[in-house]
Amino acid sequence: MSSQKNRHFRLRSRPVGMVQASNFDFVTGEVAEPAEGEVLVQVQYLSLDPAMRGWMNDARSYMPPVAIGEVMRAGGIGKVVTSADPSLAVGDTVTGLLGIQDYAVVKAKSLSRVDPALAPLPRFLGALGAPGMTAYFGFLEVCAPKSGDTVVVSGAAGAVGGLVGQIAKLEGCRVIGIAGGPDKCRYLTEELGFDAAIDYKAGDVFKTLRGLAPKGVDVYFDNVGGDLLDIVLAQLARHARIAICGAISQYNNTTPIQGPKNYLSLLLNRARMEGFVVFDYAPRYAEGVKAIAGWLADGSIKAREDVVAGLETFPETLLKLFRGENFGKLVLKVAD
């Protein structure tokens, strides 16, 4: 690999508020050789996720923060080009934490092999990857849905939310999605089969939700936090369940995170609100992948990837998440 160069983004500074291109250094260096137990992976696609914003903060979380000067962390999929571990061969397609770069040296045991003949590669970062597992286990395990439940999903046109709503329909639930803009709302109802959609950028969300769920909300899958969480908390049904998956509305705050004002609704309605991290379900990923792959194959659910080409576009492409511009799973294409 001596003739190849490795372009990569390193974290230069911790963002204050919205992420800026100036928070990163775009560097070109040599391609490293793997040591024993490692492989060299040529990165083909990278997953851009809201969680990346949290990884840039110097704060306690479920993963250590990205250190200043470190390659920016990201999940990805690519091809093994050099192997120093017998478990993986040159030419294998693998997924794992590869980072925002052209080539990654990674411990073989931290990677998962996938069959590229089964699905387009970006799908292994979406419906068949961490977002799919987040939707599957977060909804079915944390929310404990029952047929007939009224389910509300925020961030519903995103990678996780769109799958949650479709799985809820398969479970016999009535599903209301919250998304930004008429195009996303049409996508939810006309393509994904949601029963209704609320455009949070237009009109009174509280009043609209009250009209759509007059008996209250049984399940709320929250990807957004902030004001939307308070609106739904005020309209819970008895014994409602809320899954806290994320709070993208709060990630770029320069002020303290907005906590729920209407939390006493949990007491009044004997409801529960529970956070979860998808990595806790890693031993059961095969179960989730099998189920979602089957639903995709028989047309029970649909998945969509928003693919942007060019490693060099990373900072600007990442902002699509926080501007609400992406439809489905946001993926950065690095190489064929």
Protein backbone atom coordinates (compact mmCIF):
# COMPACT_ATOMS: atom_id res chain seq x y z
CA MET A 1 0.00 0.00 0.00
CA SER A 2 3.05 2.27 -0.15
CA SER A 3 1.76 4.08 -3.25
CA GLN A 4 -1.55 4.91 -1.57
CA LYS A 5 -2.28 7.88 0.64
CA ASN A 6 -4.78 8.04 3.48
CA ARG A 7 -6.96 11.13 3.70
CA HIS A 8 -8.58 11.52 7.10
CA PHE A 9 -10.43 14.00 9.29
CA ARG A 10 -8.98 14.60 12.76
CA LEU A 11 -10.83 16.39 15.54
CA ARG A 12 -9.07 19.75 15.96
CA SER A 13 -11.33 21.29 18.60
CA ARG A 14 -14.49 20.51 20.50
CA PRO A 15 -17.55 22.20 18.97
CA VAL A 16 -19.44 24.85 20.86
CA GLY A 17 -22.96 24.77 19.49
CA MET A 18 -23.28 23.63 15.89
CA VAL A 19 -20.40 21.63 14.41
CA GLN A 20 -18.13 23.68 12.15
CA ALA A 21 -15.66 22.64 9.45
CA SER A 22 -13.03 24.44 11.56
CA ASN A 23 -13.44 21.76 14.25
CA PHE A 24 -11.58 19.32 11.98
CA ASP A 25 -8.24 19.01 10.25
CA PHE A 26 -8.33 17.31 6.85
CA VAL A 27 -4.99 15.52 6.62
CA THR A 28 -3.24 13.30 4.07
CA GLY A 29 -0.75 10.75 5.35
CA GLU A 30 0.73 7.34 4.71
CA VAL A 31 -1.32 4.17 4.84
CA ALA A 32 -0.33 2.17 7.92
CA GLU A 33 0.40 -1.55 7.89
CA PRO A 34 -1.58 -3.84 10.19
CA ALA A 35 0.14 -5.53 13.13
CA GLU A 36 -0.63 -9.08 14.24
CA GLY A 37 -4.36 -9.45 14.88
CA GLU A 38 -5.23 -6.45 12.73
CA VAL A 39 -6.41 -5.84 9.18
CA LEU A 40 -6.19 -2.91 6.79
CA VAL A 41 -9.60 -1.93 5.43
CA GLN A 42 -10.28 0.26 2.43
CA VAL A 43 -13.31 2.27 3.47
CA GLN A 44 -16.18 2.29 0.97
CA TYR A 45 -19.08 3.86 2.90
CA LEU A 46 -19.34 5.67 6.23
CA SER A 47 -22.35 6.06 8.50
CA LEU A 48 -23.13 9.62 9.63
CA ASP A 49 -25.17 9.62 12.82
CA PRO A 50 -26.46 12.15 15.38
CA ALA A 51 -24.44 10.33 18.07
CA MET A 52 -21.26 11.65 16.46
CA ARG A 53 -22.01 15.08 17.91
CA GLY A 54 -21.95 13.64 21.42
CA TRP A 55 -18.68 11.81 20.77
CA MET A 56 -17.02 15.19 20.15
CA ASN A 57 -17.83 16.44 23.66
CA ASP A 58 -15.44 15.89 26.55
CA ALA A 59 -18.15 14.35 28.67
CA ARG A 60 -19.01 11.02 30.24
CA SER A 61 -21.04 8.82 27.92
CA TYR A 62 -21.48 5.20 26.84
CA MET A 63 -18.27 5.57 24.78
CA PRO A 64 -15.13 7.61 25.48
CA PRO A 65 -15.02 10.97 23.70
CA VAL A 66 -12.97 11.32 20.54
CA ALA A 67 -9.65 12.79 21.65
CA ILE A 68 -8.30 15.99 20.16
CA GLY A 69 -6.04 15.00 17.26
CA GLU A 70 -7.76 11.62 16.81
CA VAL A 71 -9.39 10.46 13.58
CA MET A 72 -13.09 11.25 13.86
CA ARG A 73 -14.99 8.13 14.92
CA ALA A 74 -17.59 6.68 12.53
CA GLY A 75 -19.07 3.33 11.67
CA GLY A 76 -18.40 2.13 8.17
CA ILE A 77 -18.15 -0.70 5.71
CA GLY A 78 -15.23 -1.61 3.51
CA LYS A 79 -12.98 -4.24 2.01
CA VAL A 80 -10.00 -5.97 3.64
CA VAL A 81 -6.89 -5.19 1.57
CA THR A 82 -4.22 -6.55 3.94
CA SER A 83 -4.75 -9.09 6.71
CA ALA A 84 -2.58 -10.02 9.66
CA ASP A 85 -5.27 -12.16 11.26
CA PRO A 86 -6.43 -15.59 10.06
CA SER A 87 -10.09 -14.83 10.79
CA LEU A 88 -10.32 -12.35 7.90
CA ALA A 89 -9.03 -12.71 4.34
CA VAL A 90 -8.12 -10.16 1.71
CA GLY A 91 -11.31 -9.29 -0.17
CA ASP A 92 -13.67 -9.80 2.77
CA THR A 93 -16.30 -7.10 3.26
CA VAL A 94 -16.50 -5.95 6.87
CA THR A 95 -18.31 -3.43 9.06
CA GLY A 96 -17.16 -1.73 12.24
CA LEU A 97 -15.78 1.53 13.59
CA LEU A 98 -13.53 2.63 10.74
CA GLY A 99 -13.35 6.40 11.16
CA ILE A 100 -13.62 9.25 8.67
CA GLN A 101 -10.77 8.17 6.39
CA ASP A 102 -9.84 6.25 3.25
CA TYR A 103 -8.03 3.39 5.00
CA ALA A 104 -8.38 2.04 8.52
CA VAL A 105 -6.17 -0.32 10.52
CA VAL A 106 -8.53 -2.16 12.85
CA LYS A 107 -8.40 -5.16 15.17
CA ALA A 108 -9.98 -8.06 13.31
CA LYS A 109 -12.03 -9.12 16.33
CA SER A 110 -13.82 -5.73 16.34
CA LEU A 111 -15.16 -6.21 12.80
CA SER A 112 -18.11 -8.17 11.42
CA ARG A 113 -18.00 -9.86 8.04
CA VAL A 114 -20.97 -9.30 5.71
CA ASP A 115 -22.02 -10.75 2.38
CA PRO A 116 -22.20 -7.92 -0.18
CA ALA A 117 -24.37 -10.11 -2.42
CA LEU A 118 -27.25 -9.87 0.09
CA ALA A 119 -27.89 -6.13 -0.11
CA PRO A 120 -26.38 -2.85 -1.35
CA LEU A 121 -23.48 -1.91 0.94
CA PRO A 122 -25.13 1.26 2.38
CA ARG A 123 -27.97 -0.91 3.68
CA PHE A 124 -25.55 -2.60 6.09
CA LEU A 125 -25.10 0.83 7.70
CA GLY A 126 -28.85 1.47 7.82
CA ALA A 127 -31.64 -1.07 8.09
CA LEU A 128 -29.20 -3.98 8.44
CA GLY A 129 -26.83 -2.04 10.69
CA ALA A 130 -26.95 -0.06 13.94
CA PRO A 131 -30.02 2.03 13.00
CA GLY A 132 -31.97 -1.12 12.19
CA MET A 133 -30.93 -2.75 15.44
CA THR A 134 -31.82 0.44 17.32
CA ALA A 135 -35.32 0.43 15.84
CA TYR A 136 -35.85 -3.30 16.31
CA PHE A 137 -34.72 -3.68 19.92
CA GLY A 138 -35.63 -0.18 21.06
CA PHE A 139 -39.20 -0.56 19.93
CA LEU A 140 -39.91 -4.22 20.55
CA GLU A 141 -38.00 -4.56 23.83
CA VAL A 142 -38.18 -1.12 25.46
CA CYS A 143 -41.63 -0.06 24.22
CA ALA A 144 -43.26 -3.50 24.62
CA PRO A 145 -45.95 -2.75 22.00
CA LYS A 146 -49.38 -4.31 21.97
CA SER A 147 -51.73 -4.57 19.01
CA GLY A 148 -54.01 -1.55 18.94
CA ASP A 149 -51.53 0.79 20.64
CA THR A 150 -51.27 4.35 19.38
CA VAL A 151 -47.57 4.87 18.67
CA VAL A 152 -45.91 8.25 18.06
CA VAL A 153 -42.43 8.49 16.55
CA SER A 154 -40.38 11.70 16.36
CA GLY A 155 -37.64 12.10 13.78
CA ALA A 156 -39.84 9.70 11.87
CA ALA A 157 -38.31 10.22 8.43
CA GLY A 158 -34.83 9.36 9.71
CA ALA A 159 -33.04 6.03 9.59
CA VAL A 160 -34.34 4.80 12.94
CA GLY A 161 -37.74 6.49 13.04
CA GLY A 162 -38.88 5.23 9.66
CA LEU A 163 -38.14 1.64 10.67
CA VAL A 164 -39.78 2.01 14.08
CA GLY A 165 -43.02 3.16 12.47
CA GLN A 166 -43.05 0.29 10.00
CA ILE A 167 -42.30 -2.31 12.67
CA ALA A 168 -45.10 -0.80 14.75
CA LYS A 169 -47.51 -1.31 11.85
CA LEU A 170 -46.43 -4.96 11.63
CA GLU A 171 -47.24 -5.26 15.34
CA GLY A 172 -50.80 -4.03 14.71
CA CYS A 173 -50.32 -0.52 16.06
CA ARG A 174 -51.69 2.79 14.84
CA VAL A 175 -48.70 4.97 13.98
CA ILE A 176 -48.28 8.76 13.95
CA GLY A 177 -44.98 10.17 12.73
CA ILE A 178 -43.56 13.61 13.47
CA ALA A 179 -41.23 15.04 10.82
CA GLY A 180 -40.18 18.36 9.32
CA GLY A 181 -41.77 19.49 6.07
CA PRO A 182 -44.57 18.30 3.77
CA ASP A 183 -42.29 16.09 1.66
CA LYS A 184 -41.20 14.05 4.66
CA CYS A 185 -44.76 13.78 5.91
CA ARG A 186 -45.94 12.49 2.53
CA TYR A 187 -43.06 10.00 2.55
CA LEU A 188 -44.24 8.65 5.90
CA THR A 189 -47.86 8.16 4.92
CA GLU A 190 -47.60 7.36 1.22
CA GLU A 191 -44.42 5.26 1.13
CA LEU A 192 -43.90 3.86 4.64
CA GLY A 193 -47.54 3.29 5.55
CA PHE A 194 -47.82 5.50 8.66
CA ASP A 195 -51.43 6.25 9.57
CA ALA A 196 -50.74 9.96 9.98
CA ALA A 197 -47.91 12.45 9.99
CA ILE A 198 -47.44 15.78 11.76
CA ASP A 199 -45.25 18.51 10.30
CA TYR A 200 -43.64 20.10 13.35
CA LYS A 201 -42.60 23.09 11.23
CA ALA A 202 -46.21 23.96 10.42
CA GLY A 203 -49.13 24.49 12.76
CA ASP A 204 -49.83 23.56 16.36
CA VAL A 205 -48.28 20.15 17.08
CA PHE A 206 -50.04 19.82 20.45
CA LYS A 207 -53.47 20.48 18.95
CA THR A 208 -52.83 18.24 15.92
CA LEU A 209 -51.64 15.36 18.08
CA ARG A 210 -54.65 15.73 20.38
CA GLY A 211 -56.92 15.42 17.35
CA LEU A 212 -55.08 12.37 16.01
CA ALA A 213 -54.78 10.60 19.37
CA PRO A 214 -57.90 11.60 21.36
CA LYS A 215 -57.47 8.65 23.76
CA GLY A 216 -53.82 9.45 24.36
CA VAL A 217 -50.44 8.08 23.28
CA ASP A 218 -49.59 4.53 24.34
CA VAL A 219 -46.01 4.47 23.02
CA TYR A 220 -43.64 7.31 22.20
CA PHE A 221 -40.32 6.57 20.50
CA ASP A 222 -38.31 9.75 20.98
CA ASN A 223 -35.42 10.72 18.72
CA VAL A 224 -35.71 14.47 19.24
CA GLY A 225 -36.26 15.51 22.87
CA GLY A 226 -36.95 19.14 23.76
CA ASP A 227 -40.36 20.65 23.13
CA LEU A 228 -41.70 17.60 21.28
CA LEU A 229 -41.04 15.37 24.28
CA ASP A 230 -43.02 17.76 26.48
CA ILE A 231 -45.90 17.85 24.00
CA VAL A 232 -46.20 14.07 23.98
CA LEU A 233 -45.73 13.76 27.76
CA ALA A 234 -48.80 15.96 28.16
CA GLN A 235 -50.87 13.51 26.11
CA LEU A 236 -49.99 10.08 27.48
CA ALA A 237 -52.46 7.26 27.89
CA ARG A 238 -52.55 5.15 31.05
CA HIS A 239 -49.49 2.85 31.32
CA ALA A 240 -47.75 4.52 28.36
CA ARG A 241 -44.15 3.62 27.51
CA ILE A 242 -41.56 6.11 26.25
CA ALA A 243 -38.23 5.04 24.76
CA ILE A 244 -35.52 7.70 24.83
CA CYS A 245 -33.39 6.89 21.80
CA GLY A 246 -31.89 10.34 21.20
CA ALA A 247 -32.41 14.08 21.49
CA ILE A 248 -31.13 15.61 18.27
CA SER A 249 -32.83 18.93 19.06
CA GLN A 250 -30.45 19.34 22.01
CA TYR A 251 -27.09 18.16 20.69
CA ASN A 252 -25.85 21.55 19.50
CA ASN A 253 -27.14 23.57 22.46
CA THR A 254 -24.85 26.16 24.00
CA THR A 255 -27.12 26.24 27.05
CA PRO A 256 -27.97 23.32 29.37
CA ILE A 257 -30.00 20.51 27.83
CA GLN A 258 -33.73 21.08 28.12
CA GLY A 259 -35.21 18.49 30.41
CA PRO A 260 -38.85 17.37 30.41
CA LYS A 261 -41.19 19.87 32.06
CA ASN A 262 -44.22 17.56 31.97
CA TYR A 263 -42.60 14.57 33.64
CA LEU A 264 -45.34 14.37 36.29
CA SER A 265 -47.51 12.91 33.53
CA LEU A 266 -45.49 9.73 34.08
CA LEU A 267 -46.79 9.61 37.64
CA LEU A 268 -50.38 10.48 36.82
CA ASN A 269 -50.57 7.92 34.00
CA ARG A 270 -48.50 5.20 35.70
CA ALA A 271 -46.24 5.47 32.66
CA ARG A 272 -42.53 4.81 32.25
CA MET A 273 -39.72 6.50 30.32
CA GLU A 274 -36.58 4.49 29.64
CA GLY A 275 -33.34 5.25 27.87
CA PHE A 276 -31.40 2.60 26.00
CA VAL A 277 -28.17 2.12 24.05
CA VAL A 278 -28.26 -0.28 21.12
CA PHE A 279 -24.83 -1.75 21.90
CA ASP A 280 -26.39 -3.43 24.94
CA TYR A 281 -28.21 -5.72 22.51
CA ALA A 282 -25.08 -6.68 20.52
CA PRO A 283 -25.29 -10.38 21.50
CA ARG A 284 -28.72 -10.49 19.81
CA TYR A 285 -27.91 -8.55 16.61
CA ALA A 286 -28.21 -11.68 14.48
CA GLU A 287 -31.84 -11.98 15.58
CA GLY A 288 -32.58 -8.41 14.54
CA VAL A 289 -30.75 -8.67 11.22
CA LYS A 290 -32.60 -11.86 10.35
CA ALA A 291 -35.99 -10.32 11.10
CA ILE A 292 -35.37 -7.06 9.25
CA ALA A 293 -33.78 -8.81 6.26
CA GLY A 294 -36.87 -11.00 6.01
CA TRP A 295 -39.22 -8.02 6.12
CA LEU A 296 -37.18 -6.21 3.48
CA ALA A 297 -37.16 -9.29 1.26
CA ASP A 298 -40.92 -9.81 1.38
CA GLY A 299 -41.73 -6.10 1.06
CA SER A 300 -43.18 -5.73 4.57
CA ILE A 301 -40.89 -2.77 5.21
CA LYS A 302 -38.91 -0.34 3.08
CA ALA A 303 -35.54 1.27 3.69
CA ARG A 304 -33.96 4.32 2.18
CA GLU A 305 -30.40 5.63 2.16
CA ASP A 306 -29.34 9.21 1.48
CA VAL A 307 -25.88 8.73 -0.05
CA VAL A 308 -23.50 11.66 -0.53
CA ALA A 309 -20.25 11.08 -2.44
CA GLY A 310 -16.85 12.35 -1.38
CA LEU A 311 -14.85 11.95 1.84
CA GLU A 312 -13.89 15.62 1.60
CA THR A 313 -17.56 16.65 2.00
CA PHE A 314 -17.77 15.17 5.52
CA PRO A 315 -18.23 18.34 7.65
CA GLU A 316 -20.92 19.81 5.40
CA THR A 317 -22.65 16.46 4.87
CA LEU A 318 -22.77 15.82 8.62
CA LEU A 319 -24.73 19.06 9.05
CA LYS A 320 -27.56 17.62 6.94
CA LEU A 321 -28.51 15.62 10.04
CA PHE A 322 -28.92 18.66 12.25
CA ARG A 323 -30.69 20.69 9.57
CA GLY A 324 -33.16 17.85 9.05
CA GLU A 325 -32.24 17.59 5.36
CA ASN A 326 -31.66 13.85 5.06
CA PHE A 327 -34.27 11.32 4.01
CA GLY A 328 -33.52 7.95 5.58
CA LYS A 329 -30.02 6.83 6.53
CA LEU A 330 -27.30 9.39 5.82
CA VAL A 331 -24.25 7.70 4.27
CA LEU A 332 -20.97 9.10 2.97
CA LYS A 333 -19.54 7.30 -0.06
CA VAL A 334 -15.75 7.11 0.05
CA ALA A 335 -14.85 4.56 -2.64
CA ASP A 336 -16.44 1.96 -4.93
